[in-house]
Amino acid sequence: MKLSRALPRSAAIEAARRAADLAVARCLVDLRAAVELDRGTDEALVVFRLQRIGDALGLSGVDVVAGGRARTLTPVGPQLADWTALYGDLLESIGRWTGTPCPEGLVVALRRGSADLVGYPGEHCDHWDGGPDLAVEHPAPDPMAGWHEPPYPECCAAHRVHAALEELGAPVPSVRGDFDCDDPQD
């Protein structure tokens, strides 16, 4: 293969990566606006709560903790449509950005200039270990920037979100399925 043919393909891949990164950034701007983060605080924890609706999972509410205040939004009508669209856009953009499907149980920890994006399985059985299936920071940090920091609880998105949920006494946003899994019982 000639090098001249490889360069346009590399440019196209890089353009796709930048587009995926920009899509996540735009969704996070929309999320900040939806939780009204510009009103005096620049940090928030947003937990998208799920419930089983027939054979599918659906958005049932959004827990928002910002400025020391916790509130649960139970959107209905047009608000539910807006929150569901934002939630869907987040799942899709995070999936494209990471190159893997984003799990349905989504928690976003917003900070000034960055966000922790943590996805839990939408449904789980009794054998689930409680850990996330996806945990990333946006924008992606420099892997060498924090090597000297202590490993817990500030080491990664998964630990920061886990610590925040524990501090609030809030469960992860996943639903216990009414099915048997294939894992052997202990």
C-alpha atoms as a PDB file:
ATOM      1  CA  MET A   1       0.000   0.000   0.000  1.00  0.00           C
ATOM      2  CA  LYS A   2       1.266   3.452  -0.831  1.00  0.00           C
ATOM      3  CA  LEU A   3       1.649   5.978   1.948  1.00  0.00           C
ATOM      4  CA  SER A   4      -0.364   8.532  -0.031  1.00  0.00           C
ATOM      5  CA  ARG A   5      -3.461   6.314   0.253  1.00  0.00           C
ATOM      6  CA  ALA A   6      -3.007   5.837   3.993  1.00  0.00           C
ATOM      7  CA  LEU A   7      -2.959   9.549   4.785  1.00  0.00           C
ATOM      8  CA  PRO A   8      -6.544  10.334   3.637  1.00  0.00           C
ATOM      9  CA  ARG A   9      -7.820   7.344   5.603  1.00  0.00           C
ATOM     10  CA  SER A  10      -5.921   8.530   8.701  1.00  0.00           C
ATOM     11  CA  ALA A  11      -7.348  12.003   8.242  1.00  0.00           C
ATOM     12  CA  ALA A  12     -10.855  10.563   7.984  1.00  0.00           C
ATOM     13  CA  ILE A  13     -10.369   8.515  11.151  1.00  0.00           C
ATOM     14  CA  GLU A  14      -9.045  11.549  13.019  1.00  0.00           C
ATOM     15  CA  ALA A  15     -12.004  13.641  11.778  1.00  0.00           C
ATOM     16  CA  ALA A  16     -14.405  10.956  13.048  1.00  0.00           C
ATOM     17  CA  ARG A  17     -12.662  10.947  16.441  1.00  0.00           C
ATOM     18  CA  ARG A  18     -12.910  14.728  16.691  1.00  0.00           C
ATOM     19  CA  ALA A  19     -16.597  14.603  15.697  1.00  0.00           C
ATOM     20  CA  ALA A  20     -17.324  11.973  18.370  1.00  0.00           C
ATOM     21  CA  ASP A  21     -15.478  14.038  20.987  1.00  0.00           C
ATOM     22  CA  LEU A  22     -17.397  17.169  19.970  1.00  0.00           C
ATOM     23  CA  ALA A  23     -20.724  15.287  20.177  1.00  0.00           C
ATOM     24  CA  VAL A  24     -20.018  14.267  23.787  1.00  0.00           C
ATOM     25  CA  ALA A  25     -18.944  17.834  24.629  1.00  0.00           C
ATOM     26  CA  ARG A  26     -22.183  19.238  23.162  1.00  0.00           C
ATOM     27  CA  CYS A  27     -24.314  16.739  25.099  1.00  0.00           C
ATOM     28  CA  LEU A  28     -22.502  17.721  28.305  1.00  0.00           C
ATOM     29  CA  VAL A  29     -23.208  21.411  27.599  1.00  0.00           C
ATOM     30  CA  ASP A  30     -26.890  20.519  27.179  1.00  0.00           C
ATOM     31  CA  LEU A  31     -26.818  18.488  30.412  1.00  0.00           C
ATOM     32  CA  ARG A  32     -25.219  21.387  32.317  1.00  0.00           C
ATOM     33  CA  ALA A  33     -27.976  23.671  31.039  1.00  0.00           C
ATOM     34  CA  ALA A  34     -30.699  21.142  31.912  1.00  0.00           C
ATOM     35  CA  VAL A  35     -29.520  20.858  35.529  1.00  0.00           C
ATOM     36  CA  GLU A  36     -29.000  24.630  35.674  1.00  0.00           C
ATOM     37  CA  LEU A  37     -25.335  24.381  36.626  1.00  0.00           C
ATOM     38  CA  ASP A  38     -24.607  27.970  35.696  1.00  0.00           C
ATOM     39  CA  ARG A  39     -26.429  29.189  38.805  1.00  0.00           C
ATOM     40  CA  GLY A  40     -23.579  29.408  41.281  1.00  0.00           C
ATOM     41  CA  THR A  41     -22.069  25.937  41.270  1.00  0.00           C
ATOM     42  CA  ASP A  42     -19.874  24.198  38.764  1.00  0.00           C
ATOM     43  CA  GLU A  43     -20.156  20.603  40.005  1.00  0.00           C
ATOM     44  CA  ALA A  44     -23.074  18.193  39.902  1.00  0.00           C
ATOM     45  CA  LEU A  45     -23.824  14.499  39.995  1.00  0.00           C
ATOM     46  CA  VAL A  46     -26.562  13.398  37.585  1.00  0.00           C
ATOM     47  CA  VAL A  47     -28.019   9.887  37.883  1.00  0.00           C
ATOM     48  CA  PHE A  48     -30.371   8.681  35.163  1.00  0.00           C
ATOM     49  CA  ARG A  49     -32.824   6.267  36.850  1.00  0.00           C
ATOM     50  CA  LEU A  50     -34.331   3.397  34.899  1.00  0.00           C
ATOM     51  CA  GLN A  51     -37.407   1.252  35.279  1.00  0.00           C
ATOM     52  CA  ARG A  52     -38.797  -1.695  33.378  1.00  0.00           C
ATOM     53  CA  ILE A  53     -41.586  -0.721  31.010  1.00  0.00           C
ATOM     54  CA  GLY A  54     -42.988  -3.827  29.376  1.00  0.00           C
ATOM     55  CA  ASP A  55     -40.097  -5.604  27.706  1.00  0.00           C
ATOM     56  CA  ALA A  56     -37.780  -2.596  27.732  1.00  0.00           C
ATOM     57  CA  LEU A  57     -36.064  -0.235  30.117  1.00  0.00           C
ATOM     58  CA  GLY A  58     -37.151   3.388  30.219  1.00  0.00           C
ATOM     59  CA  LEU A  59     -36.090   6.568  31.920  1.00  0.00           C
ATOM     60  CA  SER A  60     -38.105   7.011  35.112  1.00  0.00           C
ATOM     61  CA  GLY A  61     -36.333   9.936  36.730  1.00  0.00           C
ATOM     62  CA  VAL A  62     -33.163  11.932  37.076  1.00  0.00           C
ATOM     63  CA  ASP A  63     -31.421  12.517  40.396  1.00  0.00           C
ATOM     64  CA  VAL A  64     -29.403  15.728  40.479  1.00  0.00           C
ATOM     65  CA  VAL A  65     -27.051  16.726  43.283  1.00  0.00           C
ATOM     66  CA  ALA A  66     -25.618  20.208  42.926  1.00  0.00           C
ATOM     67  CA  GLY A  67     -24.564  22.873  45.390  1.00  0.00           C
ATOM     68  CA  GLY A  68     -25.215  20.580  48.353  1.00  0.00           C
ATOM     69  CA  ARG A  69     -28.825  20.140  47.294  1.00  0.00           C
ATOM     70  CA  ALA A  70     -30.321  16.896  46.026  1.00  0.00           C
ATOM     71  CA  ARG A  71     -33.426  16.794  43.905  1.00  0.00           C
ATOM     72  CA  THR A  72     -35.204  14.135  41.922  1.00  0.00           C
ATOM     73  CA  LEU A  73     -36.728  15.137  38.638  1.00  0.00           C
ATOM     74  CA  THR A  74     -39.623  13.000  37.518  1.00  0.00           C
ATOM     75  CA  PRO A  75     -40.229  14.473  34.089  1.00  0.00           C
ATOM     76  CA  VAL A  76     -43.563  13.911  32.359  1.00  0.00           C
ATOM     77  CA  GLY A  77     -44.961  14.950  28.990  1.00  0.00           C
ATOM     78  CA  PRO A  78     -42.688  17.270  26.994  1.00  0.00           C
ATOM     79  CA  GLN A  79     -40.101  17.312  29.799  1.00  0.00           C
ATOM     80  CA  LEU A  80     -39.888  13.514  29.681  1.00  0.00           C
ATOM     81  CA  ALA A  81     -39.387  13.680  25.918  1.00  0.00           C
ATOM     82  CA  ASP A  82     -36.604  16.264  26.344  1.00  0.00           C
ATOM     83  CA  TRP A  83     -34.836  14.302  29.104  1.00  0.00           C
ATOM     84  CA  THR A  84     -35.231  11.034  27.194  1.00  0.00           C
ATOM     85  CA  ALA A  85     -33.736  12.648  24.074  1.00  0.00           C
ATOM     86  CA  LEU A  86     -30.810  14.055  26.080  1.00  0.00           C
ATOM     87  CA  TYR A  87     -30.275  10.677  27.758  1.00  0.00           C
ATOM     88  CA  GLY A  88     -30.364   8.905  24.386  1.00  0.00           C
ATOM     89  CA  ASP A  89     -27.972  11.449  22.866  1.00  0.00           C
ATOM     90  CA  LEU A  90     -25.579  10.931  25.772  1.00  0.00           C
ATOM     91  CA  LEU A  91     -25.669   7.131  25.386  1.00  0.00           C
ATOM     92  CA  GLU A  92     -25.097   7.351  21.636  1.00  0.00           C
ATOM     93  CA  SER A  93     -22.345   9.982  21.746  1.00  0.00           C
ATOM     94  CA  ILE A  94     -20.493   8.255  24.604  1.00  0.00           C
ATOM     95  CA  GLY A  95     -20.723   4.969  22.701  1.00  0.00           C
ATOM     96  CA  ARG A  96     -19.278   6.504  19.547  1.00  0.00           C
ATOM     97  CA  TRP A  97     -16.571   8.317  21.489  1.00  0.00           C
ATOM     98  CA  THR A  98     -15.457   5.212  23.383  1.00  0.00           C
ATOM     99  CA  GLY A  99     -16.037   2.788  20.512  1.00  0.00           C
ATOM    100  CA  THR A 100     -18.232   0.565  22.679  1.00  0.00           C
ATOM    101  CA  PRO A 101     -21.956   0.644  23.525  1.00  0.00           C
ATOM    102  CA  CYS A 102     -22.637   2.793  26.578  1.00  0.00           C
ATOM    103  CA  PRO A 103     -24.532   0.827  29.249  1.00  0.00           C
ATOM    104  CA  GLU A 104     -28.034   2.130  30.020  1.00  0.00           C
ATOM    105  CA  GLY A 105     -27.438   2.874  33.708  1.00  0.00           C
ATOM    106  CA  LEU A 106     -25.698   6.232  33.330  1.00  0.00           C
ATOM    107  CA  VAL A 107     -24.159   8.507  35.965  1.00  0.00           C
ATOM    108  CA  VAL A 108     -22.464  11.757  34.988  1.00  0.00           C
ATOM    109  CA  ALA A 109     -20.326  13.689  37.465  1.00  0.00           C
ATOM    110  CA  LEU A 110     -19.927  17.191  36.058  1.00  0.00           C
ATOM    111  CA  ARG A 111     -16.959  19.309  37.110  1.00  0.00           C
ATOM    112  CA  ARG A 112     -15.549  22.551  35.799  1.00  0.00           C
ATOM    113  CA  GLY A 113     -14.025  21.650  32.437  1.00  0.00           C
ATOM    114  CA  SER A 114     -14.487  17.867  32.665  1.00  0.00           C
ATOM    115  CA  ALA A 115     -16.948  15.095  33.430  1.00  0.00           C
ATOM    116  CA  ASP A 116     -16.862  11.505  34.651  1.00  0.00           C
ATOM    117  CA  LEU A 117     -19.092   9.269  32.524  1.00  0.00           C
ATOM    118  CA  VAL A 118     -19.921   5.970  34.214  1.00  0.00           C
ATOM    119  CA  GLY A 119     -22.246   3.347  32.776  1.00  0.00           C
ATOM    120  CA  TYR A 120     -23.760   0.437  34.684  1.00  0.00           C
ATOM    121  CA  PRO A 121     -25.604  -2.515  33.161  1.00  0.00           C
ATOM    122  CA  GLY A 122     -29.221  -1.666  32.531  1.00  0.00           C
ATOM    123  CA  GLU A 123     -30.342  -4.906  34.167  1.00  0.00           C
ATOM    124  CA  HIS A 124     -28.498  -7.375  36.329  1.00  0.00           C
ATOM    125  CA  CYS A 125     -28.922 -10.688  38.097  1.00  0.00           C
ATOM    126  CA  ASP A 126     -28.062 -11.648  41.669  1.00  0.00           C
ATOM    127  CA  HIS A 127     -24.464 -12.379  40.643  1.00  0.00           C
ATOM    128  CA  TRP A 128     -23.650  -8.836  39.513  1.00  0.00           C
ATOM    129  CA  ASP A 129     -20.660  -7.388  41.362  1.00  0.00           C
ATOM    130  CA  GLY A 130     -22.025  -3.837  41.389  1.00  0.00           C
ATOM    131  CA  GLY A 131     -19.224  -2.389  39.281  1.00  0.00           C
ATOM    132  CA  PRO A 132     -19.615  -0.246  36.174  1.00  0.00           C
ATOM    133  CA  ASP A 133     -19.229  -1.618  32.669  1.00  0.00           C
ATOM    134  CA  LEU A 134     -17.818   1.690  31.402  1.00  0.00           C
ATOM    135  CA  ALA A 135     -15.976   4.494  33.196  1.00  0.00           C
ATOM    136  CA  VAL A 136     -14.267   7.335  31.347  1.00  0.00           C
ATOM    137  CA  GLU A 137     -13.371  10.963  31.847  1.00  0.00           C
ATOM    138  CA  HIS A 138     -14.198  13.588  29.228  1.00  0.00           C
ATOM    139  CA  PRO A 139     -12.111  15.113  27.861  1.00  0.00           C
ATOM    140  CA  ALA A 140      -9.719  12.196  27.980  1.00  0.00           C
ATOM    141  CA  PRO A 141      -6.965  13.087  30.458  1.00  0.00           C
ATOM    142  CA  ASP A 142      -3.280  12.917  29.739  1.00  0.00           C
ATOM    143  CA  PRO A 143      -2.330   9.448  31.012  1.00  0.00           C
ATOM    144  CA  MET A 144       0.959  10.745  32.435  1.00  0.00           C
ATOM    145  CA  ALA A 145      -0.467  13.835  34.162  1.00  0.00           C
ATOM    146  CA  GLY A 146      -1.706  12.168  37.355  1.00  0.00           C
ATOM    147  CA  TRP A 147       0.698   9.290  37.841  1.00  0.00           C
ATOM    148  CA  HIS A 148       1.939  10.682  41.162  1.00  0.00           C
ATOM    149  CA  GLU A 149      -1.526  11.004  42.734  1.00  0.00           C
ATOM    150  CA  PRO A 150      -2.811   8.512  45.331  1.00  0.00           C
ATOM    151  CA  PRO A 151      -4.832   5.692  43.747  1.00  0.00           C
ATOM    152  CA  TYR A 152      -8.116   6.041  45.686  1.00  0.00           C
ATOM    153  CA  PRO A 153     -10.677   7.624  45.573  1.00  0.00           C
ATOM    154  CA  GLU A 154      -9.477  10.188  43.036  1.00  0.00           C
ATOM    155  CA  CYS A 155      -7.720   7.843  40.614  1.00  0.00           C
ATOM    156  CA  CYS A 156     -10.396   7.365  37.989  1.00  0.00           C
ATOM    157  CA  ALA A 157     -13.958   8.094  36.951  1.00  0.00           C
ATOM    158  CA  ALA A 158     -15.266   4.798  38.376  1.00  0.00           C
ATOM    159  CA  HIS A 159     -13.866   5.448  41.855  1.00  0.00           C
ATOM    160  CA  ARG A 160     -14.943   9.103  41.945  1.00  0.00           C
ATOM    161  CA  VAL A 161     -18.525   8.276  40.957  1.00  0.00           C
ATOM    162  CA  HIS A 162     -18.665   5.267  43.308  1.00  0.00           C
ATOM    163  CA  ALA A 163     -17.496   7.468  46.204  1.00  0.00           C
ATOM    164  CA  ALA A 164     -20.084  10.130  45.330  1.00  0.00           C
ATOM    165  CA  LEU A 165     -22.919   7.580  45.187  1.00  0.00           C
ATOM    166  CA  GLU A 166     -21.828   6.059  48.511  1.00  0.00           C
ATOM    167  CA  GLU A 167     -21.644   9.495  50.130  1.00  0.00           C
ATOM    168  CA  LEU A 168     -25.217  10.167  49.011  1.00  0.00           C
ATOM    169  CA  GLY A 169     -26.409   6.709  49.991  1.00  0.00           C
ATOM    170  CA  ALA A 170     -27.716   6.377  46.443  1.00  0.00           C
ATOM    171  CA  PRO A 171     -27.873   3.077  44.582  1.00  0.00           C
ATOM    172  CA  VAL A 172     -26.453   2.688  41.097  1.00  0.00           C
ATOM    173  CA  PRO A 173     -28.973   3.278  38.307  1.00  0.00           C
ATOM    174  CA  SER A 174     -29.578  -0.283  37.254  1.00  0.00           C
ATOM    175  CA  VAL A 175     -32.573  -2.541  37.542  1.00  0.00           C
ATOM    176  CA  ARG A 176     -32.693  -6.059  38.937  1.00  0.00           C
ATOM    177  CA  GLY A 177     -33.991  -8.201  36.110  1.00  0.00           C
ATOM    178  CA  ASP A 178     -36.548 -10.921  36.710  1.00  0.00           C
ATOM    179  CA  PHE A 179     -34.505 -13.594  35.002  1.00  0.00           C
ATOM    180  CA  ASP A 180     -32.035 -16.273  35.937  1.00  0.00           C
ATOM    181  CA  CYS A 181     -28.475 -15.852  34.768  1.00  0.00           C
ATOM    182  CA  ASP A 182     -26.110 -18.570  33.661  1.00  0.00           C
ATOM    183  CA  ASP A 183     -23.563 -17.919  36.406  1.00  0.00           C
ATOM    184  CA  PRO A 184     -23.249 -20.826  38.862  1.00  0.00           C
ATOM    185  CA  GLN A 185     -24.459 -20.270  42.406  1.00  0.00           C
ATOM    186  CA  ASP A 186     -21.782 -20.180  45.113  1.00  0.00           C
END
